[in-house]
Amino acid sequence: MTDEIRDVGAQDPTENNSPIAWEDSDETQFLRQESPGGPVCYFNNEAFAHGAVVKSGTSMLRCDRGIWIEAGPADSDNP
C-alpha cells in the first residue's frame, strides 16, 4: 500500500493555517520561537500530523512541528 499525497490547493486566509517557511531560513527559526512546535500543522482548518506531506499548487509541503516546510516541487519532471 502506498501513501497518497493529498492535493490541498491554496491556503484560504480566512481559515486556520500554519505558516509556510523554508527549512533553514531565519524566518523558520523565528516562527519556531513564536509558536513552539505543536504536534500538528493546519491547512484550511484541517489538522495534519508531524511528518505529513501535502501538495499545494506547485509545491510539496511537509509538516514539521506546527510549521509547513517547503519540501520541493510538486512535479519532479518540471522543477
PDB file of N, CA and C in Angstrom:
ATOM      1  N   MET A   1       0.835  -1.182   0.000  1.00  0.00           N
ATOM      2  CA  MET A   1       0.000   0.000   0.000  1.00  0.00           C
ATOM      3  C   MET A   1       0.881   1.248   0.000  1.00  0.00           C
ATOM      4  N   THR A   2       0.595   2.201  -0.877  1.00  0.00           N
ATOM      5  CA  THR A   2       1.367   3.426  -0.928  1.00  0.00           C
ATOM      6  C   THR A   2       0.572   4.564  -0.302  1.00  0.00           C
ATOM      7  N   ASP A   3       1.297   5.476   0.323  1.00  0.00           N
ATOM      8  CA  ASP A   3       0.651   6.648   0.907  1.00  0.00           C
ATOM      9  C   ASP A   3       0.403   7.660  -0.201  1.00  0.00           C
ATOM     10  N   GLU A   4      -0.846   8.047  -0.354  1.00  0.00           N
ATOM     11  CA  GLU A   4      -1.197   9.032  -1.357  1.00  0.00           C
ATOM     12  C   GLU A   4      -1.006  10.421  -0.762  1.00  0.00           C
ATOM     13  N   ILE A   5      -0.361  11.295  -1.523  1.00  0.00           N
ATOM     14  CA  ILE A   5      -0.155  12.665  -1.072  1.00  0.00           C
ATOM     15  C   ILE A   5      -1.355  13.485  -1.506  1.00  0.00           C
ATOM     16  N   ARG A   6      -1.983  14.119  -0.533  1.00  0.00           N
ATOM     17  CA  ARG A   6      -3.185  14.901  -0.814  1.00  0.00           C
ATOM     18  C   ARG A   6      -2.878  16.230  -1.445  1.00  0.00           C
ATOM     19  N   ASP A   7      -3.666  16.592  -2.441  1.00  0.00           N
ATOM     20  CA  ASP A   7      -3.590  17.910  -3.059  1.00  0.00           C
ATOM     21  C   ASP A   7      -4.551  18.800  -2.283  1.00  0.00           C
ATOM     22  N   VAL A   8      -4.003  19.745  -1.503  1.00  0.00           N
ATOM     23  CA  VAL A   8      -4.830  20.573  -0.637  1.00  0.00           C
ATOM     24  C   VAL A   8      -5.142  21.941  -1.239  1.00  0.00           C
ATOM     25  N   GLY A   9      -4.594  22.240  -2.414  1.00  0.00           N
ATOM     26  CA  GLY A   9      -4.853  23.535  -3.043  1.00  0.00           C
ATOM     27  C   GLY A   9      -4.102  24.650  -2.347  1.00  0.00           C
ATOM     28  N   ALA A  10      -4.666  25.845  -2.412  1.00  0.00           N
ATOM     29  CA  ALA A  10      -4.040  27.021  -1.805  1.00  0.00           C
ATOM     30  C   ALA A  10      -4.631  27.274  -0.429  1.00  0.00           C
ATOM     31  N   GLN A  11      -3.839  27.916   0.436  1.00  0.00           N
ATOM     32  CA  GLN A  11      -4.354  28.278   1.746  1.00  0.00           C
ATOM     33  C   GLN A  11      -5.404  29.373   1.602  1.00  0.00           C
ATOM     34  N   ASP A  12      -6.501  29.215   2.322  1.00  0.00           N
ATOM     35  CA  ASP A  12      -7.553  30.217   2.392  1.00  0.00           C
ATOM     36  C   ASP A  12      -7.254  31.071   3.617  1.00  0.00           C
ATOM     37  N   PRO A  13      -6.982  32.359   3.435  1.00  0.00           N
ATOM     38  CA  PRO A  13      -6.586  33.200   4.569  1.00  0.00           C
ATOM     39  C   PRO A  13      -7.663  33.347   5.643  1.00  0.00           C
ATOM     40  N   THR A  14      -8.900  32.980   5.346  1.00  0.00           N
ATOM     41  CA  THR A  14      -9.964  33.070   6.351  1.00  0.00           C
ATOM     42  C   THR A  14     -10.023  31.809   7.222  1.00  0.00           C
ATOM     43  N   GLU A  15      -9.231  30.800   6.882  1.00  0.00           N
ATOM     44  CA  GLU A  15      -9.211  29.529   7.618  1.00  0.00           C
ATOM     45  C   GLU A  15      -7.988  29.474   8.532  1.00  0.00           C
ATOM     46  N   ASN A  16      -7.963  28.500   9.444  1.00  0.00           N
ATOM     47  CA  ASN A  16      -6.830  28.272  10.338  1.00  0.00           C
ATOM     48  C   ASN A  16      -5.718  27.597   9.547  1.00  0.00           C
ATOM     49  N   ASN A  17      -4.560  28.268   9.428  1.00  0.00           N
ATOM     50  CA  ASN A  17      -3.422  27.744   8.675  1.00  0.00           C
ATOM     51  C   ASN A  17      -2.139  27.936   9.455  1.00  0.00           C
ATOM     52  N   SER A  18      -1.276  26.939   9.410  1.00  0.00           N
ATOM     53  CA  SER A  18       0.066  27.073   9.966  1.00  0.00           C
ATOM     54  C   SER A  18       0.927  27.798   8.938  1.00  0.00           C
ATOM     55  N   PRO A  19       1.969  28.506   9.402  1.00  0.00           N
ATOM     56  CA  PRO A  19       2.830  29.225   8.458  1.00  0.00           C
ATOM     57  C   PRO A  19       3.637  28.276   7.577  1.00  0.00           C
ATOM     58  N   ILE A  20       4.023  28.774   6.393  1.00  0.00           N
ATOM     59  CA  ILE A  20       4.875  28.048   5.447  1.00  0.00           C
ATOM     60  C   ILE A  20       6.220  28.748   5.418  1.00  0.00           C
ATOM     61  N   ALA A  21       7.301  27.984   5.542  1.00  0.00           N
ATOM     62  CA  ALA A  21       8.639  28.572   5.571  1.00  0.00           C
ATOM     63  C   ALA A  21       9.639  27.645   4.889  1.00  0.00           C
ATOM     64  N   TRP A  22      10.821  28.179   4.607  1.00  0.00           N
ATOM     65  CA  TRP A  22      11.926  27.366   4.098  1.00  0.00           C
ATOM     66  C   TRP A  22      12.603  26.704   5.276  1.00  0.00           C
ATOM     67  N   GLU A  23      13.153  25.520   5.072  1.00  0.00           N
ATOM     68  CA  GLU A  23      13.698  24.717   6.172  1.00  0.00           C
ATOM     69  C   GLU A  23      14.773  25.428   6.990  1.00  0.00           C
ATOM     70  N   ASP A  24      15.788  25.976   6.350  1.00  0.00           N
ATOM     71  CA  ASP A  24      16.919  26.527   7.093  1.00  0.00           C
ATOM     72  C   ASP A  24      16.963  28.051   7.058  1.00  0.00           C
ATOM     73  N   SER A  25      15.819  28.693   7.029  1.00  0.00           N
ATOM     74  CA  SER A  25      15.813  30.150   6.954  1.00  0.00           C
ATOM     75  C   SER A  25      15.729  30.776   8.341  1.00  0.00           C
ATOM     76  N   ASP A  26      16.110  32.026   8.429  1.00  0.00           N
ATOM     77  CA  ASP A  26      15.965  32.768   9.686  1.00  0.00           C
ATOM     78  C   ASP A  26      14.489  32.867  10.048  1.00  0.00           C
ATOM     79  N   GLU A  27      13.627  32.988   9.031  1.00  0.00           N
ATOM     80  CA  GLU A  27      12.188  33.070   9.257  1.00  0.00           C
ATOM     81  C   GLU A  27      11.682  31.825   9.990  1.00  0.00           C
ATOM     82  N   THR A  28      12.180  30.659   9.592  1.00  0.00           N
ATOM     83  CA  THR A  28      11.754  29.413  10.223  1.00  0.00           C
ATOM     84  C   THR A  28      12.140  29.403  11.693  1.00  0.00           C
ATOM     85  N   GLN A  29      13.357  29.843  11.987  1.00  0.00           N
ATOM     86  CA  GLN A  29      13.803  29.894  13.378  1.00  0.00           C
ATOM     87  C   GLN A  29      12.938  30.859  14.183  1.00  0.00           C
ATOM     88  N   PHE A  30      12.581  32.000  13.596  1.00  0.00           N
ATOM     89  CA  PHE A  30      11.710  32.963  14.261  1.00  0.00           C
ATOM     90  C   PHE A  30      10.328  32.359  14.518  1.00  0.00           C
ATOM     91  N   LEU A  31       9.762  31.699  13.504  1.00  0.00           N
ATOM     92  CA  LEU A  31       8.444  31.088  13.649  1.00  0.00           C
ATOM     93  C   LEU A  31       8.441  30.023  14.740  1.00  0.00           C
ATOM     94  N   ARG A  32       9.523  29.261  14.836  1.00  0.00           N
ATOM     95  CA  ARG A  32       9.612  28.234  15.880  1.00  0.00           C
ATOM     96  C   ARG A  32       9.596  28.871  17.271  1.00  0.00           C
ATOM     97  N   GLN A  33      10.226  30.035  17.407  1.00  0.00           N
ATOM     98  CA  GLN A  33      10.245  30.721  18.693  1.00  0.00           C
ATOM     99  C   GLN A  33       8.872  31.314  19.008  1.00  0.00           C
ATOM    100  N   GLU A  34       8.194  31.835  17.988  1.00  0.00           N
ATOM    101  CA  GLU A  34       6.903  32.478  18.188  1.00  0.00           C
ATOM    102  C   GLU A  34       5.779  31.480  18.453  1.00  0.00           C
ATOM    103  N   SER A  35       5.840  30.332  17.802  1.00  0.00           N
ATOM    104  CA  SER A  35       4.807  29.316  18.006  1.00  0.00           C
ATOM    105  C   SER A  35       5.488  27.976  18.230  1.00  0.00           C
ATOM    106  N   PRO A  36       5.834  27.694  19.493  1.00  0.00           N
ATOM    107  CA  PRO A  36       6.568  26.470  19.787  1.00  0.00           C
ATOM    108  C   PRO A  36       5.867  25.235  19.239  1.00  0.00           C
ATOM    109  N   GLY A  37       6.673  24.351  18.695  1.00  0.00           N
ATOM    110  CA  GLY A  37       6.230  23.174  17.967  1.00  0.00           C
ATOM    111  C   GLY A  37       5.046  22.408  18.507  1.00  0.00           C
ATOM    112  N   GLY A  38       3.934  22.601  17.892  1.00  0.00           N
ATOM    113  CA  GLY A  38       2.789  21.766  18.183  1.00  0.00           C
ATOM    114  C   GLY A  38       2.911  20.470  17.409  1.00  0.00           C
ATOM    115  N   PRO A  39       2.125  19.491  17.770  1.00  0.00           N
ATOM    116  CA  PRO A  39       2.242  18.199  17.097  1.00  0.00           C
ATOM    117  C   PRO A  39       1.591  18.168  15.719  1.00  0.00           C
ATOM    118  N   VAL A  40       0.881  19.230  15.342  1.00  0.00           N
ATOM    119  CA  VAL A  40       0.163  19.224  14.060  1.00  0.00           C
ATOM    120  C   VAL A  40       0.366  20.533  13.318  1.00  0.00           C
ATOM    121  N   CYS A  41       0.105  20.484  12.015  1.00  0.00           N
ATOM    122  CA  CYS A  41       0.043  21.670  11.173  1.00  0.00           C
ATOM    123  C   CYS A  41      -1.390  21.789  10.673  1.00  0.00           C
ATOM    124  N   TYR A  42      -1.828  23.001  10.485  1.00  0.00           N
ATOM    125  CA  TYR A  42      -3.180  23.229   9.961  1.00  0.00           C
ATOM    126  C   TYR A  42      -3.115  23.765   8.541  1.00  0.00           C
ATOM    127  N   PHE A  43      -4.018  23.275   7.710  1.00  0.00           N
ATOM    128  CA  PHE A  43      -4.158  23.751   6.345  1.00  0.00           C
ATOM    129  C   PHE A  43      -5.655  23.853   6.081  1.00  0.00           C
ATOM    130  N   ASN A  44      -6.155  25.084   5.969  1.00  0.00           N
ATOM    131  CA  ASN A  44      -7.586  25.338   5.758  1.00  0.00           C
ATOM    132  C   ASN A  44      -8.449  24.588   6.772  1.00  0.00           C
ATOM    133  N   ASN A  45      -8.113  24.772   8.044  1.00  0.00           N
ATOM    134  CA  ASN A  45      -8.835  24.199   9.192  1.00  0.00           C
ATOM    135  C   ASN A  45      -8.659  22.693   9.367  1.00  0.00           C
ATOM    136  N   GLU A  46      -7.870  22.043   8.542  1.00  0.00           N
ATOM    137  CA  GLU A  46      -7.658  20.603   8.683  1.00  0.00           C
ATOM    138  C   GLU A  46      -6.296  20.356   9.329  1.00  0.00           C
ATOM    139  N   ALA A  47      -6.269  19.499  10.340  1.00  0.00           N
ATOM    140  CA  ALA A  47      -5.026  19.177  11.043  1.00  0.00           C
ATOM    141  C   ALA A  47      -4.290  18.038  10.345  1.00  0.00           C
ATOM    142  N   PHE A  48      -2.963  18.191  10.245  1.00  0.00           N
ATOM    143  CA  PHE A  48      -2.094  17.160   9.670  1.00  0.00           C
ATOM    144  C   PHE A  48      -1.003  16.866  10.686  1.00  0.00           C
ATOM    145  N   ALA A  49      -0.688  15.590  10.857  1.00  0.00           N
ATOM    146  CA  ALA A  49       0.315  15.160  11.835  1.00  0.00           C
ATOM    147  C   ALA A  49       1.721  15.573  11.415  1.00  0.00           C
ATOM    148  N   HIS A  50       2.598  15.700  12.417  1.00  0.00           N
ATOM    149  CA  HIS A  50       4.020  15.959  12.162  1.00  0.00           C
ATOM    150  C   HIS A  50       4.534  14.917  11.170  1.00  0.00           C
ATOM    151  N   GLY A  51       5.213  15.370  10.119  1.00  0.00           N
ATOM    152  CA  GLY A  51       5.750  14.474   9.110  1.00  0.00           C
ATOM    153  C   GLY A  51       4.861  14.299   7.890  1.00  0.00           C
ATOM    154  N   ALA A  52       3.598  14.734   7.975  1.00  0.00           N
ATOM    155  CA  ALA A  52       2.694  14.606   6.822  1.00  0.00           C
ATOM    156  C   ALA A  52       3.188  15.480   5.663  1.00  0.00           C
ATOM    157  N   VAL A  53       2.986  14.991   4.447  1.00  0.00           N
ATOM    158  CA  VAL A  53       3.362  15.741   3.243  1.00  0.00           C
ATOM    159  C   VAL A  53       2.108  15.968   2.412  1.00  0.00           C
ATOM    160  N   VAL A  54       1.934  17.223   1.956  1.00  0.00           N
ATOM    161  CA  VAL A  54       0.794  17.574   1.120  1.00  0.00           C
ATOM    162  C   VAL A  54       1.301  18.322  -0.111  1.00  0.00           C
ATOM    163  N   LYS A  55       0.459  18.368  -1.125  1.00  0.00           N
ATOM    164  CA  LYS A  55       0.750  19.135  -2.337  1.00  0.00           C
ATOM    165  C   LYS A  55      -0.104  20.390  -2.300  1.00  0.00           C
ATOM    166  N   SER A  56       0.534  21.542  -2.487  1.00  0.00           N
ATOM    167  CA  SER A  56      -0.175  22.819  -2.534  1.00  0.00           C
ATOM    168  C   SER A  56       0.323  23.575  -3.756  1.00  0.00           C
ATOM    169  N   GLY A  57      -0.506  23.615  -4.789  1.00  0.00           N
ATOM    170  CA  GLY A  57      -0.087  24.267  -6.029  1.00  0.00           C
ATOM    171  C   GLY A  57       1.088  23.542  -6.637  1.00  0.00           C
ATOM    172  N   THR A  58       2.202  24.257  -6.817  1.00  0.00           N
ATOM    173  CA  THR A  58       3.385  23.668  -7.436  1.00  0.00           C
ATOM    174  C   THR A  58       4.406  23.179  -6.412  1.00  0.00           C
ATOM    175  N   SER A  59       4.047  23.205  -5.129  1.00  0.00           N
ATOM    176  CA  SER A  59       4.988  22.828  -4.068  1.00  0.00           C
ATOM    177  C   SER A  59       4.492  21.656  -3.236  1.00  0.00           C
ATOM    178  N   MET A  60       5.454  20.923  -2.708  1.00  0.00           N
ATOM    179  CA  MET A  60       5.191  19.903  -1.704  1.00  0.00           C
ATOM    180  C   MET A  60       5.536  20.542  -0.364  1.00  0.00           C
ATOM    181  N   LEU A  61       4.691  20.313   0.638  1.00  0.00           N
ATOM    182  CA  LEU A  61       4.912  20.855   1.969  1.00  0.00           C
ATOM    183  C   LEU A  61       4.937  19.719   2.979  1.00  0.00           C
ATOM    184  N   ARG A  62       5.866  19.799   3.936  1.00  0.00           N
ATOM    185  CA  ARG A  62       5.990  18.785   4.984  1.00  0.00           C
ATOM    186  C   ARG A  62       5.720  19.448   6.328  1.00  0.00           C
ATOM    187  N   CYS A  63       4.870  18.823   7.136  1.00  0.00           N
ATOM    188  CA  CYS A  63       4.563  19.351   8.467  1.00  0.00           C
ATOM    189  C   CYS A  63       5.734  19.061   9.400  1.00  0.00           C
ATOM    190  N   ASP A  64       6.276  20.122   9.988  1.00  0.00           N
ATOM    191  CA  ASP A  64       7.402  19.978  10.908  1.00  0.00           C
ATOM    192  C   ASP A  64       7.080  20.730  12.198  1.00  0.00           C
ATOM    193  N   ARG A  65       6.465  20.017  13.148  1.00  0.00           N
ATOM    194  CA  ARG A  65       6.135  20.564  14.467  1.00  0.00           C
ATOM    195  C   ARG A  65       5.405  21.909  14.400  1.00  0.00           C
ATOM    196  N   GLY A  66       4.343  21.948  13.598  1.00  0.00           N
ATOM    197  CA  GLY A  66       3.491  23.128  13.561  1.00  0.00           C
ATOM    198  C   GLY A  66       3.804  24.131  12.470  1.00  0.00           C
ATOM    199  N   ILE A  67       4.847  23.876  11.677  1.00  0.00           N
ATOM    200  CA  ILE A  67       5.213  24.770  10.577  1.00  0.00           C
ATOM    201  C   ILE A  67       5.294  23.950   9.302  1.00  0.00           C
ATOM    202  N   TRP A  68       4.718  24.458   8.219  1.00  0.00           N
ATOM    203  CA  TRP A  68       4.866  23.800   6.921  1.00  0.00           C
ATOM    204  C   TRP A  68       6.218  24.182   6.335  1.00  0.00           C
ATOM    205  N   ILE A  69       6.993  23.176   5.946  1.00  0.00           N
ATOM    206  CA  ILE A  69       8.315  23.390   5.349  1.00  0.00           C
ATOM    207  C   ILE A  69       8.238  23.003   3.872  1.00  0.00           C
ATOM    208  N   GLU A  70       8.747  23.888   3.002  1.00  0.00           N
ATOM    209  CA  GLU A  70       8.796  23.584   1.573  1.00  0.00           C
ATOM    210  C   GLU A  70       9.644  22.331   1.386  1.00  0.00           C
ATOM    211  N   ALA A  71       9.066  21.308   0.741  1.00  0.00           N
ATOM    212  CA  ALA A  71       9.746  20.024   0.584  1.00  0.00           C
ATOM    213  C   ALA A  71      10.067  19.719  -0.877  1.00  0.00           C
ATOM    214  N   GLY A  72      10.024  20.724  -1.739  1.00  0.00           N
ATOM    215  CA  GLY A  72      10.373  20.528  -3.129  1.00  0.00           C
ATOM    216  C   GLY A  72       9.200  20.765  -4.059  1.00  0.00           C
ATOM    217  N   PRO A  73       9.457  20.619  -5.360  1.00  0.00           N
ATOM    218  CA  PRO A  73       8.409  20.853  -6.347  1.00  0.00           C
ATOM    219  C   PRO A  73       7.402  19.703  -6.363  1.00  0.00           C
ATOM    220  N   ALA A  74       6.167  20.026  -6.708  1.00  0.00           N
ATOM    221  CA  ALA A  74       5.119  19.019  -6.777  1.00  0.00           C
ATOM    222  C   ALA A  74       5.282  18.133  -8.015  1.00  0.00           C
ATOM    223  N   ASP A  75       5.913  18.668  -9.044  1.00  0.00           N
ATOM    224  CA  ASP A  75       6.121  17.926 -10.286  1.00  0.00           C
ATOM    225  C   ASP A  75       7.612  17.750 -10.489  1.00  0.00           C
ATOM    226  N   SER A  76       8.134  16.576 -10.183  1.00  0.00           N
ATOM    227  CA  SER A  76       9.589  16.350 -10.277  1.00  0.00           C
ATOM    228  C   SER A  76      10.106  16.458 -11.709  1.00  0.00           C
ATOM    229  N   ASP A  77       9.235  16.335 -12.698  1.00  0.00           N
ATOM    230  CA  ASP A  77       9.659  16.473 -14.098  1.00  0.00           C
ATOM    231  C   ASP A  77       9.792  17.924 -14.518  1.00  0.00           C
ATOM    232  N   ASN A  78       9.174  18.844 -13.769  1.00  0.00           N
ATOM    233  CA  ASN A  78       9.234  20.276 -14.068  1.00  0.00           C
ATOM    234  C   ASN A  78       9.518  21.071 -12.799  1.00  0.00           C
ATOM    235  N   PRO A  79      10.762  20.987 -12.290  1.00  0.00           N
ATOM    236  CA  PRO A  79      11.088  21.656 -11.011  1.00  0.00           C
ATOM    237  C   PRO A  79      11.056  23.162 -11.081  1.00  0.00           C
TER     238      PRO A  79
END
